[in-house]
Amino acid sequence: MKFKPRQYEIEAKQLPAAGEPADEFVDWMHETGLADMATSERDESLCIQSPHGDMLARPNDWVIKYEDGVFAVCPPDLFDKYFEVSES
């Protein structure tokens, strides 16, 4: 059997590279309700709590908010493979 993903839209923001300004990313976190996170000052990563357990977002990873409000982390290569800009 073969399967393909259902069509849905997400919100997403890329975690800036280490040393890059993160103001826009932080604003997005507040706007989307991503309050359950902790920062690591050593490498600028984020630990995001989700129903599936803690996820570590590293610089350049994408943080995704699904339609049901659940957050996830996706590395850039997989994000580019599975997602494209929505026209809506």
PDB file of N, CA and C in Angstrom:
ATOM      1  N   MET A   1       0.841  -1.187   0.000  1.00  0.00           N
ATOM      2  CA  MET A   1       0.000   0.000   0.000  1.00  0.00           C
ATOM      3  C   MET A   1       0.880   1.243   0.000  1.00  0.00           C
ATOM      4  N   LYS A   2       0.420   2.257  -0.674  1.00  0.00           N
ATOM      5  CA  LYS A   2       1.118   3.535  -0.671  1.00  0.00           C
ATOM      6  C   LYS A   2       0.225   4.577  -0.023  1.00  0.00           C
ATOM      7  N   PHE A   3       0.860   5.556   0.607  1.00  0.00           N
ATOM      8  CA  PHE A   3       0.130   6.621   1.287  1.00  0.00           C
ATOM      9  C   PHE A   3       0.729   7.961   0.903  1.00  0.00           C
ATOM     10  N   LYS A   4      -0.084   9.010   0.948  1.00  0.00           N
ATOM     11  CA  LYS A   4       0.412  10.368   0.793  1.00  0.00           C
ATOM     12  C   LYS A   4      -0.192  11.217   1.896  1.00  0.00           C
ATOM     13  N   PRO A   5       0.503  12.283   2.292  1.00  0.00           N
ATOM     14  CA  PRO A   5      -0.008  13.093   3.404  1.00  0.00           C
ATOM     15  C   PRO A   5      -1.299  13.811   3.038  1.00  0.00           C
ATOM     16  N   ARG A   6      -2.136  13.996   4.055  1.00  0.00           N
ATOM     17  CA  ARG A   6      -3.347  14.792   3.885  1.00  0.00           C
ATOM     18  C   ARG A   6      -2.946  16.248   3.686  1.00  0.00           C
ATOM     19  N   GLN A   7      -3.795  16.990   3.034  1.00  0.00           N
ATOM     20  CA  GLN A   7      -3.518  18.407   2.813  1.00  0.00           C
ATOM     21  C   GLN A   7      -3.898  19.205   4.060  1.00  0.00           C
ATOM     22  N   TYR A   8      -2.995  19.995   4.533  1.00  0.00           N
ATOM     23  CA  TYR A   8      -3.238  20.861   5.679  1.00  0.00           C
ATOM     24  C   TYR A   8      -2.246  22.007   5.626  1.00  0.00           C
ATOM     25  N   GLU A   9      -2.536  23.053   6.360  1.00  0.00           N
ATOM     26  CA  GLU A   9      -1.632  24.187   6.434  1.00  0.00           C
ATOM     27  C   GLU A   9      -1.009  24.245   7.816  1.00  0.00           C
ATOM     28  N   ILE A  10       0.204  24.768   7.856  1.00  0.00           N
ATOM     29  CA  ILE A  10       0.921  24.953   9.108  1.00  0.00           C
ATOM     30  C   ILE A  10       1.383  26.402   9.193  1.00  0.00           C
ATOM     31  N   GLU A  11       1.753  26.814  10.395  1.00  0.00           N
ATOM     32  CA  GLU A  11       2.526  28.035  10.594  1.00  0.00           C
ATOM     33  C   GLU A  11       3.926  27.553  10.936  1.00  0.00           C
ATOM     34  N   ALA A  12       4.946  28.262  10.484  1.00  0.00           N
ATOM     35  CA  ALA A  12       6.315  27.845  10.791  1.00  0.00           C
ATOM     36  C   ALA A  12       7.244  29.048  10.782  1.00  0.00           C
ATOM     37  N   LYS A  13       8.294  28.944  11.563  1.00  0.00           N
ATOM     38  CA  LYS A  13       9.313  29.987  11.626  1.00  0.00           C
ATOM     39  C   LYS A  13      10.651  29.296  11.825  1.00  0.00           C
ATOM     40  N   GLN A  14      11.663  29.742  11.086  1.00  0.00           N
ATOM     41  CA  GLN A  14      12.982  29.136  11.200  1.00  0.00           C
ATOM     42  C   GLN A  14      13.747  29.769  12.349  1.00  0.00           C
ATOM     43  N   LEU A  15      14.309  28.926  13.217  1.00  0.00           N
ATOM     44  CA  LEU A  15      15.136  29.396  14.323  1.00  0.00           C
ATOM     45  C   LEU A  15      16.403  30.006  13.730  1.00  0.00           C
ATOM     46  N   PRO A  16      16.721  31.255  14.067  1.00  0.00           N
ATOM     47  CA  PRO A  16      17.892  31.901  13.463  1.00  0.00           C
ATOM     48  C   PRO A  16      19.187  31.152  13.772  1.00  0.00           C
ATOM     49  N   ALA A  17      20.151  31.342  12.901  1.00  0.00           N
ATOM     50  CA  ALA A  17      21.482  30.761  13.120  1.00  0.00           C
ATOM     51  C   ALA A  17      22.082  31.350  14.387  1.00  0.00           C
ATOM     52  N   ALA A  18      22.961  30.610  15.011  1.00  0.00           N
ATOM     53  CA  ALA A  18      23.620  31.068  16.232  1.00  0.00           C
ATOM     54  C   ALA A  18      24.273  32.426  15.984  1.00  0.00           C
ATOM     55  N   GLY A  19      24.023  33.360  16.887  1.00  0.00           N
ATOM     56  CA  GLY A  19      24.604  34.689  16.787  1.00  0.00           C
ATOM     57  C   GLY A  19      23.779  35.669  15.971  1.00  0.00           C
ATOM     58  N   GLU A  20      22.757  35.197  15.251  1.00  0.00           N
ATOM     59  CA  GLU A  20      21.893  36.073  14.457  1.00  0.00           C
ATOM     60  C   GLU A  20      20.778  36.632  15.342  1.00  0.00           C
ATOM     61  N   PRO A  21      20.229  37.806  15.007  1.00  0.00           N
ATOM     62  CA  PRO A  21      19.120  38.367  15.798  1.00  0.00           C
ATOM     63  C   PRO A  21      17.916  37.419  15.808  1.00  0.00           C
ATOM     64  N   ALA A  22      17.265  37.323  16.961  1.00  0.00           N
ATOM     65  CA  ALA A  22      16.134  36.401  17.103  1.00  0.00           C
ATOM     66  C   ALA A  22      14.838  37.123  17.466  1.00  0.00           C
ATOM     67  N   ASP A  23      14.818  38.442  17.384  1.00  0.00           N
ATOM     68  CA  ASP A  23      13.631  39.204  17.797  1.00  0.00           C
ATOM     69  C   ASP A  23      12.372  38.763  17.056  1.00  0.00           C
ATOM     70  N   GLU A  24      12.462  38.591  15.745  1.00  0.00           N
ATOM     71  CA  GLU A  24      11.304  38.200  14.947  1.00  0.00           C
ATOM     72  C   GLU A  24      10.804  36.812  15.352  1.00  0.00           C
ATOM     73  N   PHE A  25      11.745  35.908  15.640  1.00  0.00           N
ATOM     74  CA  PHE A  25      11.365  34.563  16.069  1.00  0.00           C
ATOM     75  C   PHE A  25      10.681  34.612  17.443  1.00  0.00           C
ATOM     76  N   VAL A  26      11.220  35.390  18.344  1.00  0.00           N
ATOM     77  CA  VAL A  26      10.643  35.524  19.688  1.00  0.00           C
ATOM     78  C   VAL A  26       9.244  36.127  19.603  1.00  0.00           C
ATOM     79  N   ASP A  27       9.069  37.145  18.751  1.00  0.00           N
ATOM     80  CA  ASP A  27       7.736  37.733  18.564  1.00  0.00           C
ATOM     81  C   ASP A  27       6.751  36.669  18.075  1.00  0.00           C
ATOM     82  N   TRP A  28       7.179  35.850  17.114  1.00  0.00           N
ATOM     83  CA  TRP A  28       6.323  34.781  16.580  1.00  0.00           C
ATOM     84  C   TRP A  28       5.950  33.783  17.673  1.00  0.00           C
ATOM     85  N   MET A  29       6.905  33.458  18.550  1.00  0.00           N
ATOM     86  CA  MET A  29       6.607  32.523  19.649  1.00  0.00           C
ATOM     87  C   MET A  29       5.495  33.067  20.527  1.00  0.00           C
ATOM     88  N   HIS A  30       5.543  34.347  20.812  1.00  0.00           N
ATOM     89  CA  HIS A  30       4.501  34.954  21.653  1.00  0.00           C
ATOM     90  C   HIS A  30       3.164  35.000  20.920  1.00  0.00           C
ATOM     91  N   GLU A  31       3.191  35.322  19.635  1.00  0.00           N
ATOM     92  CA  GLU A  31       1.956  35.405  18.849  1.00  0.00           C
ATOM     93  C   GLU A  31       1.262  34.052  18.718  1.00  0.00           C
ATOM     94  N   THR A  32       2.031  32.978  18.626  1.00  0.00           N
ATOM     95  CA  THR A  32       1.460  31.653  18.393  1.00  0.00           C
ATOM     96  C   THR A  32       1.178  30.884  19.678  1.00  0.00           C
ATOM     97  N   GLY A  33       1.578  31.413  20.813  1.00  0.00           N
ATOM     98  CA  GLY A  33       1.323  30.721  22.072  1.00  0.00           C
ATOM     99  C   GLY A  33       2.378  29.694  22.447  1.00  0.00           C
ATOM    100  N   LEU A  34       3.527  29.761  21.821  1.00  0.00           N
ATOM    101  CA  LEU A  34       4.607  28.831  22.152  1.00  0.00           C
ATOM    102  C   LEU A  34       5.280  29.300  23.435  1.00  0.00           C
ATOM    103  N   ALA A  35       4.658  28.965  24.553  1.00  0.00           N
ATOM    104  CA  ALA A  35       5.166  29.430  25.843  1.00  0.00           C
ATOM    105  C   ALA A  35       5.979  28.349  26.552  1.00  0.00           C
ATOM    106  N   ASP A  36       5.777  27.089  26.195  1.00  0.00           N
ATOM    107  CA  ASP A  36       6.459  25.987  26.875  1.00  0.00           C
ATOM    108  C   ASP A  36       7.815  25.714  26.231  1.00  0.00           C
ATOM    109  N   MET A  37       8.755  26.618  26.440  1.00  0.00           N
ATOM    110  CA  MET A  37      10.081  26.434  25.872  1.00  0.00           C
ATOM    111  C   MET A  37      11.127  26.919  26.856  1.00  0.00           C
ATOM    112  N   ALA A  38      12.336  26.448  26.657  1.00  0.00           N
ATOM    113  CA  ALA A  38      13.467  26.906  27.452  1.00  0.00           C
ATOM    114  C   ALA A  38      14.623  27.146  26.499  1.00  0.00           C
ATOM    115  N   THR A  39      15.451  28.126  26.815  1.00  0.00           N
ATOM    116  CA  THR A  39      16.587  28.404  25.949  1.00  0.00           C
ATOM    117  C   THR A  39      17.853  27.848  26.556  1.00  0.00           C
ATOM    118  N   SER A  40      18.783  27.523  25.708  1.00  0.00           N
ATOM    119  CA  SER A  40      20.105  27.097  26.141  1.00  0.00           C
ATOM    120  C   SER A  40      21.073  28.172  25.682  1.00  0.00           C
ATOM    121  N   GLU A  41      21.620  28.934  26.603  1.00  0.00           N
ATOM    122  CA  GLU A  41      22.504  30.034  26.243  1.00  0.00           C
ATOM    123  C   GLU A  41      23.794  29.546  25.594  1.00  0.00           C
ATOM    124  N   ARG A  42      24.159  28.305  25.829  1.00  0.00           N
ATOM    125  CA  ARG A  42      25.415  27.785  25.292  1.00  0.00           C
ATOM    126  C   ARG A  42      25.376  27.677  23.771  1.00  0.00           C
ATOM    127  N   ASP A  43      24.293  27.122  23.205  1.00  0.00           N
ATOM    128  CA  ASP A  43      24.246  26.911  21.758  1.00  0.00           C
ATOM    129  C   ASP A  43      23.001  27.505  21.103  1.00  0.00           C
ATOM    130  N   GLU A  44      22.244  28.304  21.831  1.00  0.00           N
ATOM    131  CA  GLU A  44      21.066  28.992  21.321  1.00  0.00           C
ATOM    132  C   GLU A  44      19.982  28.055  20.802  1.00  0.00           C
ATOM    133  N   SER A  45      19.868  26.874  21.363  1.00  0.00           N
ATOM    134  CA  SER A  45      18.804  25.942  20.986  1.00  0.00           C
ATOM    135  C   SER A  45      17.589  26.162  21.874  1.00  0.00           C
ATOM    136  N   LEU A  46      16.458  25.588  21.474  1.00  0.00           N
ATOM    137  CA  LEU A  46      15.222  25.669  22.254  1.00  0.00           C
ATOM    138  C   LEU A  46      14.754  24.257  22.588  1.00  0.00           C
ATOM    139  N   CYS A  47      14.327  24.058  23.813  1.00  0.00           N
ATOM    140  CA  CYS A  47      13.687  22.809  24.198  1.00  0.00           C
ATOM    141  C   CYS A  47      12.187  23.083  24.225  1.00  0.00           C
ATOM    142  N   ILE A  48      11.452  22.430  23.333  1.00  0.00           N
ATOM    143  CA  ILE A  48      10.015  22.669  23.189  1.00  0.00           C
ATOM    144  C   ILE A  48       9.252  21.474  23.741  1.00  0.00           C
ATOM    145  N   GLN A  49       8.346  21.729  24.662  1.00  0.00           N
ATOM    146  CA  GLN A  49       7.518  20.672  25.228  1.00  0.00           C
ATOM    147  C   GLN A  49       6.313  20.444  24.327  1.00  0.00           C
ATOM    148  N   SER A  50       6.044  19.183  24.042  1.00  0.00           N
ATOM    149  CA  SER A  50       4.880  18.847  23.217  1.00  0.00           C
ATOM    150  C   SER A  50       4.229  17.601  23.788  1.00  0.00           C
ATOM    151  N   PRO A  51       3.038  17.250  23.308  1.00  0.00           N
ATOM    152  CA  PRO A  51       2.393  16.020  23.774  1.00  0.00           C
ATOM    153  C   PRO A  51       3.219  14.767  23.455  1.00  0.00           C
ATOM    154  N   HIS A  52       4.163  14.903  22.524  1.00  0.00           N
ATOM    155  CA  HIS A  52       4.995  13.767  22.127  1.00  0.00           C
ATOM    156  C   HIS A  52       6.333  13.752  22.841  1.00  0.00           C
ATOM    157  N   GLY A  53       6.514  14.635  23.815  1.00  0.00           N
ATOM    158  CA  GLY A  53       7.768  14.718  24.561  1.00  0.00           C
ATOM    159  C   GLY A  53       8.536  15.971  24.197  1.00  0.00           C
ATOM    160  N   ASP A  54       9.667  16.164  24.859  1.00  0.00           N
ATOM    161  CA  ASP A  54      10.492  17.339  24.610  1.00  0.00           C
ATOM    162  C   ASP A  54      11.219  17.203  23.274  1.00  0.00           C
ATOM    163  N   MET A  55      11.275  18.301  22.539  1.00  0.00           N
ATOM    164  CA  MET A  55      11.978  18.331  21.253  1.00  0.00           C
ATOM    165  C   MET A  55      12.990  19.460  21.291  1.00  0.00           C
ATOM    166  N   LEU A  56      14.164  19.211  20.737  1.00  0.00           N
ATOM    167  CA  LEU A  56      15.219  20.216  20.709  1.00  0.00           C
ATOM    168  C   LEU A  56      15.287  20.844  19.325  1.00  0.00           C
ATOM    169  N   ALA A  57      15.100  22.154  19.265  1.00  0.00           N
ATOM    170  CA  ALA A  57      15.251  22.906  18.018  1.00  0.00           C
ATOM    171  C   ALA A  57      16.623  23.562  18.048  1.00  0.00           C
ATOM    172  N   ARG A  58      17.401  23.270  17.034  1.00  0.00           N
ATOM    173  CA  ARG A  58      18.735  23.850  16.914  1.00  0.00           C
ATOM    174  C   ARG A  58      18.692  24.993  15.892  1.00  0.00           C
ATOM    175  N   PRO A  59      19.713  25.866  15.886  1.00  0.00           N
ATOM    176  CA  PRO A  59      19.733  26.945  14.899  1.00  0.00           C
ATOM    177  C   PRO A  59      19.488  26.417  13.488  1.00  0.00           C
ATOM    178  N   ASN A  60      18.641  27.131  12.758  1.00  0.00           N
ATOM    179  CA  ASN A  60      18.213  26.835  11.387  1.00  0.00           C
ATOM    180  C   ASN A  60      17.115  25.779  11.291  1.00  0.00           C
ATOM    181  N   ASP A  61      16.771  25.087  12.381  1.00  0.00           N
ATOM    182  CA  ASP A  61      15.613  24.191  12.361  1.00  0.00           C
ATOM    183  C   ASP A  61      14.347  25.033  12.232  1.00  0.00           C
ATOM    184  N   TRP A  62      13.298  24.414  11.717  1.00  0.00           N
ATOM    185  CA  TRP A  62      11.993  25.057  11.628  1.00  0.00           C
ATOM    186  C   TRP A  62      11.128  24.606  12.803  1.00  0.00           C
ATOM    187  N   VAL A  63      10.444  25.550  13.437  1.00  0.00           N
ATOM    188  CA  VAL A  63       9.466  25.239  14.475  1.00  0.00           C
ATOM    189  C   VAL A  63       8.102  25.372  13.813  1.00  0.00           C
ATOM    190  N   ILE A  64       7.325  24.302  13.877  1.00  0.00           N
ATOM    191  CA  ILE A  64       6.052  24.213  13.182  1.00  0.00           C
ATOM    192  C   ILE A  64       4.900  24.242  14.179  1.00  0.00           C
ATOM    193  N   LYS A  65       3.855  24.977  13.849  1.00  0.00           N
ATOM    194  CA  LYS A  65       2.615  24.938  14.616  1.00  0.00           C
ATOM    195  C   LYS A  65       1.544  24.363  13.701  1.00  0.00           C
ATOM    196  N   TYR A  66       1.030  23.183  14.046  1.00  0.00           N
ATOM    197  CA  TYR A  66      -0.016  22.542  13.262  1.00  0.00           C
ATOM    198  C   TYR A  66      -1.372  23.168  13.561  1.00  0.00           C
ATOM    199  N   GLU A  67      -2.348  22.850  12.734  1.00  0.00           N
ATOM    200  CA  GLU A  67      -3.693  23.411  12.876  1.00  0.00           C
ATOM    201  C   GLU A  67      -4.306  23.152  14.245  1.00  0.00           C
ATOM    202  N   ASP A  68      -3.943  22.024  14.878  1.00  0.00           N
ATOM    203  CA  ASP A  68      -4.494  21.679  16.187  1.00  0.00           C
ATOM    204  C   ASP A  68      -3.740  22.337  17.341  1.00  0.00           C
ATOM    205  N   GLY A  69      -2.756  23.212  17.017  1.00  0.00           N
ATOM    206  CA  GLY A  69      -2.020  23.935  18.045  1.00  0.00           C
ATOM    207  C   GLY A  69      -0.792  23.221  18.564  1.00  0.00           C
ATOM    208  N   VAL A  70      -0.504  22.028  18.088  1.00  0.00           N
ATOM    209  CA  VAL A  70       0.666  21.273  18.527  1.00  0.00           C
ATOM    210  C   VAL A  70       1.898  21.785  17.789  1.00  0.00           C
ATOM    211  N   PHE A  71       2.994  21.938  18.532  1.00  0.00           N
ATOM    212  CA  PHE A  71       4.254  22.386  17.953  1.00  0.00           C
ATOM    213  C   PHE A  71       5.168  21.193  17.696  1.00  0.00           C
ATOM    214  N   ALA A  72       6.018  21.324  16.669  1.00  0.00           N
ATOM    215  CA  ALA A  72       6.987  20.292  16.334  1.00  0.00           C
ATOM    216  C   ALA A  72       8.239  20.976  15.794  1.00  0.00           C
ATOM    217  N   VAL A  73       9.311  20.213  15.720  1.00  0.00           N
ATOM    218  CA  VAL A  73      10.583  20.699  15.193  1.00  0.00           C
ATOM    219  C   VAL A  73      10.912  19.918  13.931  1.00  0.00           C
ATOM    220  N   CYS A  74      11.408  20.618  12.911  1.00  0.00           N
ATOM    221  CA  CYS A  74      11.739  19.970  11.646  1.00  0.00           C
ATOM    222  C   CYS A  74      13.072  20.517  11.139  1.00  0.00           C
ATOM    223  N   PRO A  75      14.033  19.644  10.814  1.00  0.00           N
ATOM    224  CA  PRO A  75      15.289  20.132  10.250  1.00  0.00           C
ATOM    225  C   PRO A  75      15.057  20.729   8.857  1.00  0.00           C
ATOM    226  N   PRO A  76      15.918  21.662   8.441  1.00  0.00           N
ATOM    227  CA  PRO A  76      15.699  22.373   7.182  1.00  0.00           C
ATOM    228  C   PRO A  76      15.554  21.472   5.954  1.00  0.00           C
ATOM    229  N   ASP A  77      16.337  20.407   5.855  1.00  0.00           N
ATOM    230  CA  ASP A  77      16.266  19.551   4.669  1.00  0.00           C
ATOM    231  C   ASP A  77      14.913  18.857   4.559  1.00  0.00           C
ATOM    232  N   LEU A  78      14.361  18.401   5.674  1.00  0.00           N
ATOM    233  CA  LEU A  78      13.042  17.766   5.645  1.00  0.00           C
ATOM    234  C   LEU A  78      11.931  18.791   5.433  1.00  0.00           C
ATOM    235  N   PHE A  79      12.091  19.971   6.020  1.00  0.00           N
ATOM    236  CA  PHE A  79      11.086  21.019   5.830  1.00  0.00           C
ATOM    237  C   PHE A  79      10.960  21.354   4.350  1.00  0.00           C
ATOM    238  N   ASP A  80      12.104  21.539   3.685  1.00  0.00           N
ATOM    239  CA  ASP A  80      12.092  21.856   2.253  1.00  0.00           C
ATOM    240  C   ASP A  80      11.486  20.726   1.427  1.00  0.00           C
ATOM    241  N   LYS A  81      11.641  19.508   1.881  1.00  0.00           N
ATOM    242  CA  LYS A  81      11.112  18.343   1.158  1.00  0.00           C
ATOM    243  C   LYS A  81       9.591  18.243   1.274  1.00  0.00           C
ATOM    244  N   TYR A  82       9.039  18.581   2.455  1.00  0.00           N
ATOM    245  CA  TYR A  82       7.628  18.337   2.713  1.00  0.00           C
ATOM    246  C   TYR A  82       6.718  19.550   2.679  1.00  0.00           C
ATOM    247  N   PHE A  83       7.277  20.754   2.753  1.00  0.00           N
ATOM    248  CA  PHE A  83       6.432  21.945   2.840  1.00  0.00           C
ATOM    249  C   PHE A  83       6.798  22.953   1.766  1.00  0.00           C
ATOM    250  N   GLU A  84       5.798  23.707   1.341  1.00  0.00           N
ATOM    251  CA  GLU A  84       5.992  24.826   0.423  1.00  0.00           C
ATOM    252  C   GLU A  84       5.117  25.968   0.904  1.00  0.00           C
ATOM    253  N   VAL A  85       5.399  27.163   0.423  1.00  0.00           N
ATOM    254  CA  VAL A  85       4.647  28.336   0.837  1.00  0.00           C
ATOM    255  C   VAL A  85       3.199  28.201   0.397  1.00  0.00           C
ATOM    256  N   SER A  86       2.284  28.493   1.298  1.00  0.00           N
ATOM    257  CA  SER A  86       0.853  28.437   1.008  1.00  0.00           C
ATOM    258  C   SER A  86       0.415  29.771   0.417  1.00  0.00           C
ATOM    259  N   GLU A  87      -0.480  29.716  -0.534  1.00  0.00           N
ATOM    260  CA  GLU A  87      -0.983  30.936  -1.166  1.00  0.00           C
ATOM    261  C   GLU A  87      -2.138  31.564  -0.398  1.00  0.00           C
ATOM    262  N   SER A  88      -2.627  30.911   0.654  1.00  0.00           N
ATOM    263  CA  SER A  88      -3.765  31.481   1.392  1.00  0.00           C
ATOM    264  C   SER A  88      -3.341  32.289   2.581  1.00  0.00           C
TER     265      SER A  88
END
